[in-house]
PDB file of N, CA and C in Angstrom:
ATOM      1  N   MET A   1     -45.668  -6.123   1.985  1.00  0.00           N
ATOM      2  CA  MET A   1     -44.831  -4.944   1.943  1.00  0.00           C
ATOM      3  C   MET A   1     -43.928  -4.929   3.180  1.00  0.00           C
ATOM      4  N   ALA A   2     -42.679  -4.544   3.015  1.00  0.00           N
ATOM      5  CA  ALA A   2     -41.713  -4.532   4.116  1.00  0.00           C
ATOM      6  C   ALA A   2     -42.053  -3.436   5.116  1.00  0.00           C
ATOM      7  N   GLU A   3     -41.771  -3.728   6.386  1.00  0.00           N
ATOM      8  CA  GLU A   3     -41.992  -2.727   7.431  1.00  0.00           C
ATOM      9  C   GLU A   3     -40.928  -1.647   7.362  1.00  0.00           C
ATOM     10  N   ALA A   4     -41.328  -0.427   7.646  1.00  0.00           N
ATOM     11  CA  ALA A   4     -40.356   0.662   7.736  1.00  0.00           C
ATOM     12  C   ALA A   4     -39.652   0.553   9.076  1.00  0.00           C
ATOM     13  N   ARG A   5     -38.343   0.710   9.082  1.00  0.00           N
ATOM     14  CA  ARG A   5     -37.582   0.661  10.331  1.00  0.00           C
ATOM     15  C   ARG A   5     -37.386   2.080  10.850  1.00  0.00           C
ATOM     16  N   ARG A   6     -37.423   2.206  12.155  1.00  0.00           N
ATOM     17  CA  ARG A   6     -37.168   3.499  12.776  1.00  0.00           C
ATOM     18  C   ARG A   6     -35.837   3.445  13.501  1.00  0.00           C
ATOM     19  N   PHE A   7     -35.037   4.417  13.245  1.00  0.00           N
ATOM     20  CA  PHE A   7     -33.736   4.513  13.888  1.00  0.00           C
ATOM     21  C   PHE A   7     -33.760   5.703  14.846  1.00  0.00           C
ATOM     22  N   LYS A   8     -33.103   5.549  15.985  1.00  0.00           N
ATOM     23  CA  LYS A   8     -32.983   6.663  16.923  1.00  0.00           C
ATOM     24  C   LYS A   8     -31.916   7.640  16.446  1.00  0.00           C
ATOM     25  N   ALA A   9     -30.891   7.118  15.796  1.00  0.00           N
ATOM     26  CA  ALA A   9     -29.804   7.975  15.340  1.00  0.00           C
ATOM     27  C   ALA A   9     -29.013   7.270  14.251  1.00  0.00           C
ATOM     28  N   VAL A  10     -28.367   8.061  13.459  1.00  0.00           N
ATOM     29  CA  VAL A  10     -27.422   7.577  12.468  1.00  0.00           C
ATOM     30  C   VAL A  10     -26.167   8.421  12.657  1.00  0.00           C
ATOM     31  N   LEU A  11     -25.028   7.753  12.760  1.00  0.00           N
ATOM     32  CA  LEU A  11     -23.775   8.458  12.993  1.00  0.00           C
ATOM     33  C   LEU A  11     -22.813   8.128  11.864  1.00  0.00           C
ATOM     34  N   PHE A  12     -22.246   9.138  11.277  1.00  0.00           N
ATOM     35  CA  PHE A  12     -21.202   8.937  10.278  1.00  0.00           C
ATOM     36  C   PHE A  12     -20.176  10.042  10.428  1.00  0.00           C
ATOM     37  N   ASP A  13     -18.988   9.782   9.945  1.00  0.00           N
ATOM     38  CA  ASP A  13     -17.907  10.745  10.074  1.00  0.00           C
ATOM     39  C   ASP A  13     -17.294  10.994   8.710  1.00  0.00           C
ATOM     40  N   VAL A  14     -17.333  12.223   8.280  1.00  0.00           N
ATOM     41  CA  VAL A  14     -16.604  12.625   7.093  1.00  0.00           C
ATOM     42  C   VAL A  14     -15.220  12.972   7.614  1.00  0.00           C
ATOM     43  N   ASP A  15     -14.195  12.337   7.093  1.00  0.00           N
ATOM     44  CA  ASP A  15     -12.835  12.413   7.638  1.00  0.00           C
ATOM     45  C   ASP A  15     -12.505  13.796   8.192  1.00  0.00           C
ATOM     46  N   GLY A  16     -12.233  13.828   9.484  1.00  0.00           N
ATOM     47  CA  GLY A  16     -11.842  15.065  10.139  1.00  0.00           C
ATOM     48  C   GLY A  16     -12.990  15.859  10.726  1.00  0.00           C
ATOM     49  N   THR A  17     -14.219  15.445  10.496  1.00  0.00           N
ATOM     50  CA  THR A  17     -15.362  16.208  10.997  1.00  0.00           C
ATOM     51  C   THR A  17     -15.592  15.971  12.482  1.00  0.00           C
ATOM     52  N   LEU A  18     -15.639  14.727  12.895  1.00  0.00           N
ATOM     53  CA  LEU A  18     -15.880  14.396  14.300  1.00  0.00           C
ATOM     54  C   LEU A  18     -14.599  14.037  15.031  1.00  0.00           C
ATOM     55  N   VAL A  19     -13.658  13.490  14.308  1.00  0.00           N
ATOM     56  CA  VAL A  19     -12.386  13.071  14.892  1.00  0.00           C
ATOM     57  C   VAL A  19     -11.263  13.712  14.087  1.00  0.00           C
ATOM     58  N   ASP A  20     -10.358  14.387  14.767  1.00  0.00           N
ATOM     59  CA  ASP A  20      -9.226  15.023  14.082  1.00  0.00           C
ATOM     60  C   ASP A  20      -8.194  13.952  13.744  1.00  0.00           C
ATOM     61  N   THR A  21      -8.109  13.601  12.470  1.00  0.00           N
ATOM     62  CA  THR A  21      -7.225  12.523  12.028  1.00  0.00           C
ATOM     63  C   THR A  21      -5.992  13.043  11.287  1.00  0.00           C
ATOM     64  N   VAL A  22      -5.786  14.347  11.252  1.00  0.00           N
ATOM     65  CA  VAL A  22      -4.683  14.912  10.479  1.00  0.00           C
ATOM     66  C   VAL A  22      -3.335  14.342  10.912  1.00  0.00           C
ATOM     67  N   ASP A  23      -3.061  14.341  12.224  1.00  0.00           N
ATOM     68  CA  ASP A  23      -1.767  13.832  12.691  1.00  0.00           C
ATOM     69  C   ASP A  23      -1.595  12.352  12.379  1.00  0.00           C
ATOM     70  N   LEU A  24      -2.654  11.570  12.536  1.00  0.00           N
ATOM     71  CA  LEU A  24      -2.568  10.143  12.224  1.00  0.00           C
ATOM     72  C   LEU A  24      -2.317   9.926  10.732  1.00  0.00           C
ATOM     73  N   HIS A  25      -2.985  10.694   9.926  1.00  0.00           N
ATOM     74  CA  HIS A  25      -2.816  10.601   8.477  1.00  0.00           C
ATOM     75  C   HIS A  25      -1.382  10.970   8.088  1.00  0.00           C
ATOM     76  N   ALA A  26      -0.876  12.067   8.666  1.00  0.00           N
ATOM     77  CA  ALA A  26       0.487  12.500   8.366  1.00  0.00           C
ATOM     78  C   ALA A  26       1.505  11.464   8.819  1.00  0.00           C
ATOM     79  N   GLU A  27       1.316  10.901  10.006  1.00  0.00           N
ATOM     80  CA  GLU A  27       2.246   9.881  10.515  1.00  0.00           C
ATOM     81  C   GLU A  27       2.253   8.651   9.608  1.00  0.00           C
ATOM     82  N   SER A  28       1.100   8.308   9.086  1.00  0.00           N
ATOM     83  CA  SER A  28       1.017   7.181   8.150  1.00  0.00           C
ATOM     84  C   SER A  28       1.851   7.443   6.902  1.00  0.00           C
ATOM     85  N   TRP A  29       1.773   8.666   6.358  1.00  0.00           N
ATOM     86  CA  TRP A  29       2.593   9.026   5.193  1.00  0.00           C
ATOM     87  C   TRP A  29       4.072   9.009   5.545  1.00  0.00           C
ATOM     88  N   VAL A  30       4.443   9.561   6.704  1.00  0.00           N
ATOM     89  CA  VAL A  30       5.849   9.586   7.121  1.00  0.00           C
ATOM     90  C   VAL A  30       6.399   8.163   7.179  1.00  0.00           C
ATOM     91  N   ARG A  31       5.651   7.264   7.790  1.00  0.00           N
ATOM     92  CA  ARG A  31       6.099   5.862   7.898  1.00  0.00           C
ATOM     93  C   ARG A  31       6.192   5.191   6.537  1.00  0.00           C
ATOM     94  N   THR A  32       5.237   5.497   5.677  1.00  0.00           N
ATOM     95  CA  THR A  32       5.262   4.906   4.335  1.00  0.00           C
ATOM     96  C   THR A  32       6.461   5.413   3.542  1.00  0.00           C
ATOM     97  N   PHE A  33       6.684   6.715   3.575  1.00  0.00           N
ATOM     98  CA  PHE A  33       7.865   7.267   2.894  1.00  0.00           C
ATOM     99  C   PHE A  33       9.143   6.642   3.449  1.00  0.00           C
ATOM    100  N   ARG A  34       9.241   6.541   4.766  1.00  0.00           N
ATOM    101  CA  ARG A  34      10.440   5.960   5.397  1.00  0.00           C
ATOM    102  C   ARG A  34      10.632   4.510   4.950  1.00  0.00           C
ATOM    103  N   HIS A  35       9.541   3.763   4.868  1.00  0.00           N
ATOM    104  CA  HIS A  35       9.609   2.366   4.425  1.00  0.00           C
ATOM    105  C   HIS A  35      10.254   2.260   3.044  1.00  0.00           C
ATOM    106  N   PHE A  36       9.998   3.245   2.207  1.00  0.00           N
ATOM    107  CA  PHE A  36      10.545   3.243   0.850  1.00  0.00           C
ATOM    108  C   PHE A  36      11.811   4.089   0.713  1.00  0.00           C
ATOM    109  N   GLY A  37      12.445   4.401   1.866  1.00  0.00           N
ATOM    110  CA  GLY A  37      13.753   5.038   1.839  1.00  0.00           C
ATOM    111  C   GLY A  37      13.778   6.554   1.802  1.00  0.00           C
ATOM    112  N   HIS A  38      12.680   7.191   2.133  1.00  0.00           N
ATOM    113  CA  HIS A  38      12.614   8.650   2.114  1.00  0.00           C
ATOM    114  C   HIS A  38      12.317   9.162   3.527  1.00  0.00           C
ATOM    115  N   ASP A  39      13.226   9.936   4.075  1.00  0.00           N
ATOM    116  CA  ASP A  39      13.054  10.484   5.423  1.00  0.00           C
ATOM    117  C   ASP A  39      12.465  11.885   5.305  1.00  0.00           C
ATOM    118  N   ILE A  40      11.145  11.968   5.374  1.00  0.00           N
ATOM    119  CA  ILE A  40      10.441  13.239   5.227  1.00  0.00           C
ATOM    120  C   ILE A  40       9.976  13.682   6.611  1.00  0.00           C
ATOM    121  N   PRO A  41      10.302  14.888   7.039  1.00  0.00           N
ATOM    122  CA  PRO A  41       9.895  15.356   8.362  1.00  0.00           C
ATOM    123  C   PRO A  41       8.369  15.454   8.507  1.00  0.00           C
ATOM    124  N   PHE A  42       7.905  15.040   9.670  1.00  0.00           N
ATOM    125  CA  PHE A  42       6.476  15.060   9.976  1.00  0.00           C
ATOM    126  C   PHE A  42       5.819  16.418   9.693  1.00  0.00           C
ATOM    127  N   PRO A  43       6.393  17.543  10.163  1.00  0.00           N
ATOM    128  CA  PRO A  43       5.719  18.830   9.927  1.00  0.00           C
ATOM    129  C   PRO A  43       5.521  19.156   8.441  1.00  0.00           C
ATOM    130  N   GLU A  44       6.468  18.729   7.618  1.00  0.00           N
ATOM    131  CA  GLU A  44       6.332  18.979   6.180  1.00  0.00           C
ATOM    132  C   GLU A  44       5.201  18.160   5.578  1.00  0.00           C
ATOM    133  N   VAL A  45       5.102  16.909   6.013  1.00  0.00           N
ATOM    134  CA  VAL A  45       4.014  16.056   5.521  1.00  0.00           C
ATOM    135  C   VAL A  45       2.682  16.576   6.043  1.00  0.00           C
ATOM    136  N   ARG A  46       2.644  16.926   7.323  1.00  0.00           N
ATOM    137  CA  ARG A  46       1.391  17.394   7.936  1.00  0.00           C
ATOM    138  C   ARG A  46       0.837  18.605   7.188  1.00  0.00           C
ATOM    139  N   ALA A  47       1.717  19.474   6.733  1.00  0.00           N
ATOM    140  CA  ALA A  47       1.284  20.673   6.005  1.00  0.00           C
ATOM    141  C   ALA A  47       0.624  20.340   4.669  1.00  0.00           C
ATOM    142  N   GLN A  48       0.824  19.126   4.180  1.00  0.00           N
ATOM    143  CA  GLN A  48       0.272  18.723   2.889  1.00  0.00           C
ATOM    144  C   GLN A  48      -1.020  17.899   3.013  1.00  0.00           C
ATOM    145  N   ILE A  49      -1.391  17.547   4.239  1.00  0.00           N
ATOM    146  CA  ILE A  49      -2.582  16.717   4.436  1.00  0.00           C
ATOM    147  C   ILE A  49      -3.816  17.478   3.967  1.00  0.00           C
ATOM    148  N   GLY A  50      -4.646  16.777   3.256  1.00  0.00           N
ATOM    149  CA  GLY A  50      -5.818  17.365   2.624  1.00  0.00           C
ATOM    150  C   GLY A  50      -5.754  17.186   1.117  1.00  0.00           C
ATOM    151  N   LYS A  51      -4.541  17.000   0.634  1.00  0.00           N
ATOM    152  CA  LYS A  51      -4.341  16.698  -0.776  1.00  0.00           C
ATOM    153  C   LYS A  51      -4.502  15.196  -0.974  1.00  0.00           C
ATOM    154  N   GLY A  52      -4.873  14.808  -2.151  1.00  0.00           N
ATOM    155  CA  GLY A  52      -4.862  13.393  -2.492  1.00  0.00           C
ATOM    156  C   GLY A  52      -3.427  12.931  -2.669  1.00  0.00           C
ATOM    157  N   GLY A  53      -3.217  11.637  -2.597  1.00  0.00           N
ATOM    158  CA  GLY A  53      -1.880  11.083  -2.766  1.00  0.00           C
ATOM    159  C   GLY A  53      -1.236  11.488  -4.080  1.00  0.00           C
ATOM    160  N   ASP A  54      -2.069  11.648  -5.120  1.00  0.00           N
ATOM    161  CA  ASP A  54      -1.537  12.037  -6.426  1.00  0.00           C
ATOM    162  C   ASP A  54      -0.966  13.453  -6.415  1.00  0.00           C
ATOM    163  N   GLN A  55      -1.382  14.272  -5.459  1.00  0.00           N
ATOM    164  CA  GLN A  55      -0.854  15.631  -5.343  1.00  0.00           C
ATOM    165  C   GLN A  55       0.199  15.737  -4.245  1.00  0.00           C
ATOM    166  N   LEU A  56       0.089  14.893  -3.221  1.00  0.00           N
ATOM    167  CA  LEU A  56       1.026  14.936  -2.105  1.00  0.00           C
ATOM    168  C   LEU A  56       2.376  14.324  -2.462  1.00  0.00           C
ATOM    169  N   MET A  57       2.378  13.182  -3.117  1.00  0.00           N
ATOM    170  CA  MET A  57       3.627  12.484  -3.407  1.00  0.00           C
ATOM    171  C   MET A  57       4.603  13.301  -4.254  1.00  0.00           C
ATOM    172  N   PRO A  58       4.153  14.011  -5.288  1.00  0.00           N
ATOM    173  CA  PRO A  58       5.111  14.797  -6.087  1.00  0.00           C
ATOM    174  C   PRO A  58       5.805  15.915  -5.306  1.00  0.00           C
ATOM    175  N   VAL A  59       5.243  16.341  -4.191  1.00  0.00           N
ATOM    176  CA  VAL A  59       5.882  17.365  -3.368  1.00  0.00           C
ATOM    177  C   VAL A  59       7.184  16.830  -2.779  1.00  0.00           C
ATOM    178  N   PHE A  60       7.225  15.526  -2.480  1.00  0.00           N
ATOM    179  CA  PHE A  60       8.341  14.940  -1.748  1.00  0.00           C
ATOM    180  C   PHE A  60       9.222  13.985  -2.561  1.00  0.00           C
ATOM    181  N   LEU A  61       8.714  13.493  -3.657  1.00  0.00           N
ATOM    182  CA  LEU A  61       9.449  12.477  -4.412  1.00  0.00           C
ATOM    183  C   LEU A  61       9.910  12.984  -5.763  1.00  0.00           C
ATOM    184  N   PRO A  62      11.033  12.464  -6.231  1.00  0.00           N
ATOM    185  CA  PRO A  62      11.468  12.799  -7.598  1.00  0.00           C
ATOM    186  C   PRO A  62      10.423  12.319  -8.616  1.00  0.00           C
ATOM    187  N   LYS A  63      10.340  13.009  -9.701  1.00  0.00           N
ATOM    188  CA  LYS A  63       9.346  12.695 -10.738  1.00  0.00           C
ATOM    189  C   LYS A  63       9.372  11.230 -11.151  1.00  0.00           C
ATOM    190  N   GLU A  64      10.571  10.646 -11.185  1.00  0.00           N
ATOM    191  CA  GLU A  64      10.715   9.241 -11.620  1.00  0.00           C
ATOM    192  C   GLU A  64      10.046   8.265 -10.653  1.00  0.00           C
ATOM    193  N   GLU A  65       9.848   8.670  -9.426  1.00  0.00           N
ATOM    194  CA  GLU A  65       9.297   7.765  -8.407  1.00  0.00           C
ATOM    195  C   GLU A  65       7.797   7.936  -8.161  1.00  0.00           C
ATOM    196  N   VAL A  66       7.220   8.943  -8.751  1.00  0.00           N
ATOM    197  CA  VAL A  66       5.793   9.222  -8.505  1.00  0.00           C
ATOM    198  C   VAL A  66       4.926   8.316  -9.345  1.00  0.00           C
TER     199      VAL A  66
END
């Protein structure tokens, strides 16, 4: 029979719980939009963080591009 292992700690992060990643996430979207020819202001993108890409992209892109 296998030995049971004892751990002193287990650390995990549910996005945004231990590290505030909102600005990094928003900047990533801004750069991605810019790469594809869309200049979307950071504050507007930041306000949408928390939505999935399927909900965020239609806010900024024409229906034909989503």
